[in-house]
Amino acid sequence: MIRFIFLLFISERFLRVILCNLPVSISFSVLVFVITGEVRTVSVMKGEPVTLQTGLTEIQTDDFITWMFGDIILAEIYKNQSSLDQLFYTYDGADERFRDGLQLNNQTGSLTITQSKTSNSGLYELKINSNRHLRFTLTVSDAVKSVSVMEGDSVPLNSDTELKTDDQILWTFGKKNAPIAEIKRGNNLTYDGPDERFRDRLMLDKKTGSLTITDITISHSGEYKLKISGRGKTTFKRFSVSLSDEIRSVLVMEGESAPLYTGSIVQTDDEILWMFGDKDTVIAETKGGTRQTTTDHGPDGRFRGRLELDPQTGSLTITDTRTEDSGPYKLQISRSGKNVFKLFNVSVSDSTALGTIPEEGHLLQPVPYCRQRSISSES
């Protein structure tokens, strides 16, 4: 009996083929190092392109590259030695889910899915000749986290993760994916963004990569995307930030001033309208281009000489308030073709209705139990 000793570096599938066809009359001592293939995790948002990298800088002569999705061949490349021609093909896949959606890099063999769908999620396998395998688990998510805030507030966009060494963070804004913040090689960087709307408003947490936008205005509403890359894994998150029309309560005593704050700075071409009452009667307005402000006396002339409009912020102050000033106030800010509204409910209390303060020595005694009612005033 002849005895052979082999040292093999082969794939797991190729090993099974060899063992099934061995002659039984020959004895082998086989030292096998099975290449099971690294599994890389890739996460992408629905509609975004995603590239599965081969790790090659250039395809070599006689290289044969195959991309598979499950058991289905998606793409193939073969570089012929004799003719130096390169043959490459892409296929539509099961139920044509990849139709017109695949691009194959003829230099590296990397595969790009141009517009990801949730049905593209699954296991992808790369074979280079017969001695190298790579596996990719792709997750396509269409989840968008909605965040609603009041103008002038701060909004945290949480990564919900703890960063590892060498992890990279990239935050982008809007349809053009303008970069606004990133963590790269341990450095925290923030950018002013389109038309400098994020200047001095961004805070980036170096431990988690979470982003906080301070003093938010209508120009900051929209879509934010987070990309976390590191250790062969890429994940994405998406946030939709909008401004809330929550009603703010303003409580003042008769004769005091009632400030109604926009929480913003008037931009060029902004238009601001202040309205009062159920009929939305316009009582003040300003235009950003000229910074010209006008006020109106309101219904039955009740606001005559008592309205002050800040040309820088558009905030409105009612001076020397009266009980008839109580009611709903609406702020409309028109900017870049978008309108945002802010609602206020002003209550002016008659000081005489509160009674007089007891003389010293005749203070009211505390009651055994009193349920406290807290009233918050936002400005």
Protein backbone atom coordinates (compact mmCIF):
# COMPACT_ATOMS: atom_id res chain seq x y z
CA MET A 1 0.00 0.00 0.00
CA ILE A 2 1.37 3.37 -1.04
CA ARG A 3 1.11 6.11 1.56
CA PHE A 4 1.05 9.79 0.58
CA ILE A 5 1.22 12.87 2.77
CA PHE A 6 -0.38 16.04 1.44
CA LEU A 7 -0.59 19.55 2.82
CA LEU A 8 -3.72 21.12 1.38
CA PHE A 9 -5.09 24.65 1.47
CA ILE A 10 -8.51 24.22 -0.07
CA SER A 11 -12.06 25.37 0.32
CA GLU A 12 -14.54 23.39 2.36
CA ARG A 13 -16.70 22.52 -0.66
CA PHE A 14 -13.69 21.49 -2.79
CA LEU A 15 -12.49 19.19 0.03
CA ARG A 16 -15.77 17.24 -0.03
CA VAL A 17 -15.43 16.68 -3.79
CA ILE A 18 -11.90 15.29 -3.40
CA LEU A 19 -12.76 12.92 -0.56
CA CYS A 20 -15.78 11.50 -2.41
CA ASN A 21 -13.58 10.50 -5.39
CA LEU A 22 -10.55 8.99 -3.64
CA PRO A 23 -9.56 5.36 -4.58
CA VAL A 24 -10.08 3.15 -1.55
CA SER A 25 -6.85 1.21 -2.24
CA ILE A 26 -4.70 4.26 -1.54
CA SER A 27 -4.07 5.51 1.97
CA PHE A 28 -3.65 9.24 2.55
CA SER A 29 -2.46 11.19 5.54
CA VAL A 30 -3.91 14.59 4.86
CA LEU A 31 -3.14 17.75 6.76
CA VAL A 32 -5.97 20.06 5.77
CA PHE A 33 -6.36 23.75 6.36
CA VAL A 34 -9.91 24.51 5.28
CA ILE A 35 -10.63 28.03 4.11
CA THR A 36 -14.18 28.51 5.39
CA GLY A 37 -14.24 32.18 4.38
CA GLU A 38 -14.55 35.39 6.36
CA VAL A 39 -18.10 36.68 6.91
CA ARG A 40 -18.49 40.45 6.66
CA THR A 41 -21.57 42.30 7.85
CA VAL A 42 -22.88 45.15 5.72
CA SER A 43 -25.91 47.31 6.51
CA VAL A 44 -27.42 49.85 4.14
CA MET A 45 -30.54 51.99 3.95
CA LYS A 46 -33.19 51.21 1.35
CA GLY A 47 -32.51 53.04 -1.93
CA GLU A 48 -28.80 53.55 -1.21
CA PRO A 49 -26.00 51.95 -3.30
CA VAL A 50 -23.78 49.38 -1.60
CA THR A 51 -20.49 47.85 -2.80
CA LEU A 52 -19.22 44.42 -1.78
CA GLN A 53 -15.43 44.62 -2.03
CA THR A 54 -13.19 41.78 -3.24
CA GLY A 55 -10.11 43.31 -1.62
CA LEU A 56 -8.21 43.04 -4.91
CA THR A 57 -6.37 45.94 -6.48
CA GLU A 58 -6.38 44.28 -9.90
CA ILE A 59 -7.68 41.07 -11.43
CA GLN A 60 -4.82 38.78 -12.55
CA THR A 61 -4.60 36.75 -15.72
CA ASP A 62 -6.67 33.52 -15.58
CA ASP A 63 -8.55 34.74 -12.50
CA PHE A 64 -12.12 33.49 -12.40
CA ILE A 65 -14.45 35.44 -10.10
CA THR A 66 -17.99 34.43 -9.21
CA TRP A 67 -20.56 36.30 -7.12
CA MET A 68 -23.50 34.34 -5.68
CA PHE A 69 -26.64 35.24 -3.77
CA GLY A 70 -27.62 32.10 -1.89
CA ASP A 71 -27.30 29.37 -4.55
CA ILE A 72 -27.87 31.73 -7.48
CA ILE A 73 -25.05 33.14 -9.62
CA LEU A 74 -25.23 36.95 -9.88
CA ALA A 75 -22.03 37.88 -11.70
CA GLU A 76 -18.89 36.36 -13.24
CA ILE A 77 -15.53 37.65 -14.51
CA TYR A 78 -12.84 35.71 -16.35
CA LYS A 79 -9.55 37.19 -17.59
CA ASN A 80 -8.25 35.07 -20.46
CA GLN A 81 -4.49 34.53 -20.69
CA SER A 82 -4.26 33.81 -24.42
CA SER A 83 -6.38 36.66 -25.74
CA LEU A 84 -6.04 38.99 -22.74
CA ASP A 85 -9.76 39.54 -23.14
CA GLN A 86 -11.92 39.98 -20.09
CA LEU A 87 -15.36 38.40 -20.01
CA PHE A 88 -17.83 39.58 -17.43
CA TYR A 89 -21.54 39.00 -16.94
CA THR A 90 -24.27 40.07 -14.53
CA TYR A 91 -27.59 38.28 -14.09
CA ASP A 92 -31.03 39.35 -12.87
CA GLY A 93 -31.23 36.72 -10.15
CA ALA A 94 -34.29 35.02 -8.69
CA ASP A 95 -37.58 36.70 -9.68
CA GLU A 96 -35.47 39.33 -11.46
CA ARG A 97 -34.93 41.25 -8.22
CA PHE A 98 -31.51 42.44 -9.44
CA ARG A 99 -32.63 43.54 -12.93
CA ASP A 100 -30.59 46.59 -14.04
CA GLY A 101 -29.35 46.90 -10.46
CA LEU A 102 -25.84 45.36 -10.56
CA GLN A 103 -22.50 46.87 -11.55
CA LEU A 104 -19.28 44.86 -11.75
CA ASN A 105 -15.91 46.57 -11.42
CA ASN A 106 -13.77 45.15 -14.24
CA GLN A 107 -10.55 46.07 -12.45
CA THR A 108 -11.18 44.73 -8.94
CA GLY A 109 -14.20 42.47 -9.41
CA SER A 110 -16.15 44.27 -6.67
CA LEU A 111 -19.94 44.09 -6.96
CA THR A 112 -22.21 47.13 -6.52
CA ILE A 113 -25.96 47.01 -5.96
CA THR A 114 -27.00 50.41 -7.28
CA GLN A 115 -30.34 50.82 -5.52
CA SER A 116 -30.79 48.56 -2.53
CA LYS A 117 -34.13 46.89 -1.81
CA THR A 118 -35.19 44.99 1.28
CA SER A 119 -35.41 41.87 -0.91
CA ASN A 120 -31.64 42.19 -1.53
CA SER A 121 -30.95 41.31 2.11
CA GLY A 122 -29.22 37.97 2.59
CA LEU A 123 -25.95 36.04 2.21
CA TYR A 124 -23.60 36.85 -0.68
CA GLU A 125 -20.61 34.68 -1.54
CA LEU A 126 -17.48 35.64 -3.49
CA LYS A 127 -15.30 32.97 -5.10
CA ILE A 128 -11.93 33.82 -6.60
CA ASN A 129 -10.70 30.81 -8.58
CA SER A 130 -11.16 27.87 -6.22
CA ASN A 131 -8.97 28.89 -3.32
CA ARG A 132 -10.53 32.01 -1.88
CA HIS A 133 -13.97 32.59 -0.47
CA LEU A 134 -15.55 35.63 1.13
CA ARG A 135 -19.07 35.89 2.52
CA PHE A 136 -21.12 39.01 3.10
CA THR A 137 -24.30 39.31 5.14
CA LEU A 138 -26.22 42.26 3.71
CA THR A 139 -29.08 43.91 5.60
CA VAL A 140 -31.19 46.50 3.79
CA SER A 141 -33.29 48.55 6.19
CA ASP A 142 -36.07 51.01 5.45
CA ALA A 143 -36.46 52.13 9.07
CA VAL A 144 -36.41 55.88 9.63
CA LYS A 145 -36.46 57.32 13.13
CA SER A 146 -38.68 60.40 13.31
CA VAL A 147 -37.71 63.19 15.68
CA SER A 148 -40.03 66.15 16.32
CA VAL A 149 -38.81 69.20 18.25
CA MET A 150 -39.76 72.79 18.95
CA GLU A 151 -37.86 75.49 17.14
CA GLY A 152 -35.03 76.80 19.28
CA ASP A 153 -34.65 73.50 21.13
CA SER A 154 -31.72 71.07 20.94
CA VAL A 155 -32.19 67.69 19.30
CA PRO A 156 -29.95 64.66 20.01
CA LEU A 157 -29.56 62.05 17.25
CA ASN A 158 -28.35 58.95 19.07
CA SER A 159 -26.14 56.29 17.49
CA ASP A 160 -27.11 53.76 20.19
CA THR A 161 -23.60 52.31 20.16
CA GLU A 162 -20.22 52.51 21.83
CA LEU A 163 -17.41 53.22 19.39
CA LYS A 164 -14.47 50.85 19.13
CA THR A 165 -10.91 51.79 18.26
CA ASP A 166 -10.58 52.70 14.57
CA ASP A 167 -14.36 53.02 14.09
CA GLN A 168 -15.28 55.83 11.72
CA ILE A 169 -18.41 57.98 11.91
CA LEU A 170 -19.95 60.07 9.14
CA TRP A 171 -23.08 62.24 9.47
CA THR A 172 -24.70 63.65 6.31
CA PHE A 173 -27.69 65.93 5.75
CA GLY A 174 -30.28 66.32 3.01
CA LYS A 175 -30.86 64.70 -0.36
CA LYS A 176 -27.34 65.57 -1.51
CA ASN A 177 -25.82 63.84 1.56
CA ALA A 178 -23.76 66.89 2.51
CA PRO A 179 -21.22 65.89 5.23
CA ILE A 180 -21.78 67.78 8.48
CA ALA A 181 -19.78 65.77 11.05
CA GLU A 182 -17.34 62.87 11.25
CA ILE A 183 -14.96 60.99 13.49
CA LYS A 184 -11.88 59.89 11.57
CA ARG A 185 -8.61 58.59 12.97
CA GLY A 186 -9.71 59.72 16.42
CA ASN A 187 -10.43 63.30 15.32
CA ASN A 188 -13.84 64.91 15.85
CA LEU A 189 -14.80 67.17 12.95
CA THR A 190 -17.94 69.23 12.36
CA TYR A 191 -18.78 71.29 9.28
CA ASP A 192 -21.01 74.30 8.66
CA GLY A 193 -22.99 72.45 5.99
CA PRO A 194 -25.05 73.98 3.17
CA ASP A 195 -25.11 77.81 3.35
CA GLU A 196 -23.41 77.54 6.78
CA ARG A 197 -26.72 76.69 8.47
CA PHE A 198 -24.97 74.46 11.03
CA ARG A 199 -22.33 76.99 12.08
CA ASP A 200 -21.67 76.67 15.85
CA ARG A 201 -24.71 74.38 16.25
CA LEU A 202 -23.25 70.85 16.17
CA MET A 203 -21.84 68.75 19.02
CA LEU A 204 -20.35 65.29 18.32
CA ASP A 205 -19.91 62.73 21.13
CA LYS A 206 -16.50 61.08 20.70
CA LYS A 207 -17.52 57.97 22.66
CA THR A 208 -20.77 57.16 20.84
CA GLY A 209 -20.73 59.25 17.66
CA SER A 210 -24.13 60.72 18.59
CA LEU A 211 -24.85 64.15 17.12
CA THR A 212 -26.65 67.04 18.85
CA ILE A 213 -28.06 70.00 16.92
CA THR A 214 -28.55 73.08 19.10
CA ASP A 215 -30.94 76.02 18.65
CA ILE A 216 -32.72 74.25 15.80
CA THR A 217 -34.60 76.21 13.13
CA ILE A 218 -36.72 75.36 10.10
CA SER A 219 -33.59 75.15 7.90
CA HIS A 220 -32.39 72.16 9.98
CA SER A 221 -35.48 70.06 9.34
CA GLY A 222 -34.95 67.17 6.94
CA GLU A 223 -33.16 63.83 6.67
CA TYR A 224 -29.95 62.93 8.50
CA LYS A 225 -27.91 59.80 7.79
CA LEU A 226 -25.34 58.12 10.02
CA LYS A 227 -22.68 55.74 8.69
CA ILE A 228 -20.57 53.70 11.13
CA SER A 229 -17.61 51.83 9.61
CA GLY A 230 -15.09 49.58 11.32
CA ARG A 231 -13.64 46.07 11.49
CA GLY A 232 -15.19 44.86 8.25
CA LYS A 233 -18.66 46.06 9.25
CA THR A 234 -20.67 49.02 8.03
CA THR A 235 -24.02 50.08 9.48
CA PHE A 236 -26.39 52.90 8.60
CA LYS A 237 -29.09 54.81 10.45
CA ARG A 238 -31.51 57.42 9.19
CA PHE A 239 -33.34 60.18 11.05
CA SER A 240 -36.13 62.50 9.93
CA VAL A 241 -36.18 65.76 11.92
CA SER A 242 -39.25 67.99 11.84
CA LEU A 243 -40.52 70.96 13.80
CA SER A 244 -43.50 70.50 16.10
CA ASP A 245 -46.56 72.72 16.28
CA GLU A 246 -46.94 72.21 20.02
CA ILE A 247 -48.74 75.06 21.77
CA ARG A 248 -46.63 77.11 24.16
CA SER A 249 -48.32 78.72 27.13
CA VAL A 250 -47.39 82.25 28.20
CA LEU A 251 -48.83 83.47 31.53
CA VAL A 252 -48.47 87.10 32.61
CA MET A 253 -50.09 89.56 35.01
CA GLU A 254 -52.05 92.48 33.61
CA GLY A 255 -49.75 95.41 32.86
CA GLU A 256 -46.68 93.20 32.30
CA SER A 257 -45.05 92.52 28.93
CA ALA A 258 -45.62 89.21 27.13
CA PRO A 259 -42.68 88.18 24.91
CA LEU A 260 -43.37 85.59 22.17
CA TYR A 261 -40.05 84.23 20.91
CA THR A 262 -39.39 82.76 17.46
CA GLY A 263 -36.18 81.04 18.62
CA SER A 264 -34.57 81.93 15.30
CA ILE A 265 -32.60 84.55 13.41
CA VAL A 266 -34.32 86.14 10.41
CA GLN A 267 -32.61 85.00 7.21
CA THR A 268 -32.55 86.74 3.84
CA ASP A 269 -35.93 86.47 2.11
CA ASP A 270 -37.64 85.13 5.26
CA GLU A 271 -41.23 86.25 5.74
CA ILE A 272 -42.69 86.29 9.24
CA LEU A 273 -46.36 86.74 10.10
CA TRP A 274 -47.89 87.06 13.55
CA MET A 275 -51.63 86.36 13.79
CA PHE A 276 -54.14 86.65 16.61
CA GLY A 277 -57.49 85.04 17.42
CA ASP A 278 -59.62 82.37 15.80
CA LYS A 279 -59.73 84.30 12.51
CA ASP A 280 -55.92 84.56 12.26
CA THR A 281 -55.95 88.34 12.06
CA VAL A 282 -52.48 89.57 11.02
CA ILE A 283 -51.04 91.88 13.70
CA ALA A 284 -47.35 92.03 12.72
CA GLU A 285 -45.01 91.03 9.92
CA THR A 286 -41.43 91.32 8.75
CA LYS A 287 -39.47 90.51 5.57
CA GLY A 288 -35.88 89.32 5.83
CA GLY A 289 -34.65 91.00 2.66
CA THR A 290 -35.43 94.54 3.82
CA ARG A 291 -35.84 93.80 7.55
CA GLN A 292 -38.86 96.07 7.30
CA THR A 293 -41.34 95.45 10.10
CA THR A 294 -44.96 96.50 10.38
CA THR A 295 -47.51 96.12 13.18
CA ASP A 296 -51.27 96.45 13.15
CA HIS A 297 -53.72 97.62 15.77
CA GLY A 298 -55.56 94.30 15.61
CA PRO A 299 -59.30 93.69 16.17
CA ASP A 300 -61.09 96.81 17.49
CA GLY A 301 -57.70 98.55 17.78
CA ARG A 302 -56.82 96.73 21.02
CA PHE A 303 -53.07 96.50 20.28
CA ARG A 304 -52.64 100.15 19.31
CA GLY A 305 -49.11 101.28 20.25
CA ARG A 306 -48.40 98.10 22.27
CA LEU A 307 -46.69 95.75 19.80
CA GLU A 308 -42.91 95.54 19.34
CA LEU A 309 -41.40 93.38 16.58
CA ASP A 310 -37.69 92.48 16.70
CA PRO A 311 -36.24 92.86 13.14
CA GLN A 312 -33.36 90.46 13.94
CA THR A 313 -35.36 87.52 15.31
CA GLY A 314 -38.98 88.30 14.39
CA SER A 315 -40.00 87.85 18.05
CA LEU A 316 -43.10 89.76 19.14
CA THR A 317 -43.59 91.53 22.47
CA ILE A 318 -46.96 92.73 23.74
CA THR A 319 -46.43 95.58 26.19
CA ASP A 320 -48.76 96.78 28.95
CA THR A 321 -50.91 93.66 28.57
CA ARG A 322 -54.65 93.62 29.22
CA THR A 323 -57.04 90.76 29.84
CA GLU A 324 -58.50 91.15 26.32
CA ASP A 325 -55.06 90.28 24.95
CA SER A 326 -55.60 86.70 26.11
CA GLY A 327 -56.07 84.13 23.38
CA PRO A 328 -54.29 82.15 20.65
CA TYR A 329 -51.37 83.63 18.71
CA LYS A 330 -49.91 82.01 15.61
CA LEU A 331 -46.45 82.54 14.12
CA GLN A 332 -45.78 81.66 10.49
CA ILE A 333 -42.20 81.59 9.17
CA SER A 334 -41.81 81.20 5.40
CA ARG A 335 -38.32 80.12 4.35
CA SER A 336 -37.03 78.56 1.13
CA GLY A 337 -40.52 77.63 0.01
CA LYS A 338 -41.40 75.97 3.32
CA ASN A 339 -43.74 77.17 6.06
CA VAL A 340 -43.37 76.40 9.73
CA PHE A 341 -45.92 77.36 12.35
CA LYS A 342 -45.63 78.02 16.04
CA LEU A 343 -48.60 78.34 18.36
CA PHE A 344 -48.84 80.32 21.59
CA ASN A 345 -51.64 80.62 24.12
CA VAL A 346 -51.41 83.86 26.09
CA SER A 347 -53.26 84.23 29.41
CA VAL A 348 -53.37 87.67 31.04
CA SER A 349 -54.53 87.54 34.67
CA ASP A 350 -56.33 90.39 36.38
CA SER A 351 -54.23 91.30 39.43
CA THR A 352 -57.31 92.26 41.45
CA ALA A 353 -58.68 88.73 41.08
CA LEU A 354 -55.79 87.35 43.10
CA GLY A 355 -56.82 89.18 46.27
CA THR A 356 -54.56 91.11 48.62
CA ILE A 357 -51.50 89.89 50.44
CA PRO A 358 -52.24 89.31 54.15
CA GLU A 359 -50.64 91.66 56.63
CA GLU A 360 -47.63 90.40 58.55
CA GLY A 361 -48.73 88.23 61.46
CA HIS A 362 -51.90 87.12 59.65
CA LEU A 363 -50.36 84.76 57.11
CA LEU A 364 -52.43 81.84 55.96
CA GLN A 365 -51.78 78.59 57.80
CA PRO A 366 -50.52 75.67 55.68
CA VAL A 367 -53.16 73.13 54.76
CA PRO A 368 -52.57 69.49 55.70
CA TYR A 369 -52.54 68.35 52.08
CA CYS A 370 -52.31 70.31 48.90
CA ARG A 371 -51.86 68.85 45.44
CA GLN A 372 -49.28 70.95 43.64
CA ARG A 373 -49.89 72.12 40.11
CA SER A 374 -46.85 73.23 38.16
CA ILE A 375 -47.16 75.61 35.27
CA SER A 376 -44.27 75.91 32.84
CA SER A 377 -43.79 78.95 30.71
CA GLU A 378 -41.73 78.46 27.56
CA SER A 379 -40.27 81.29 25.64
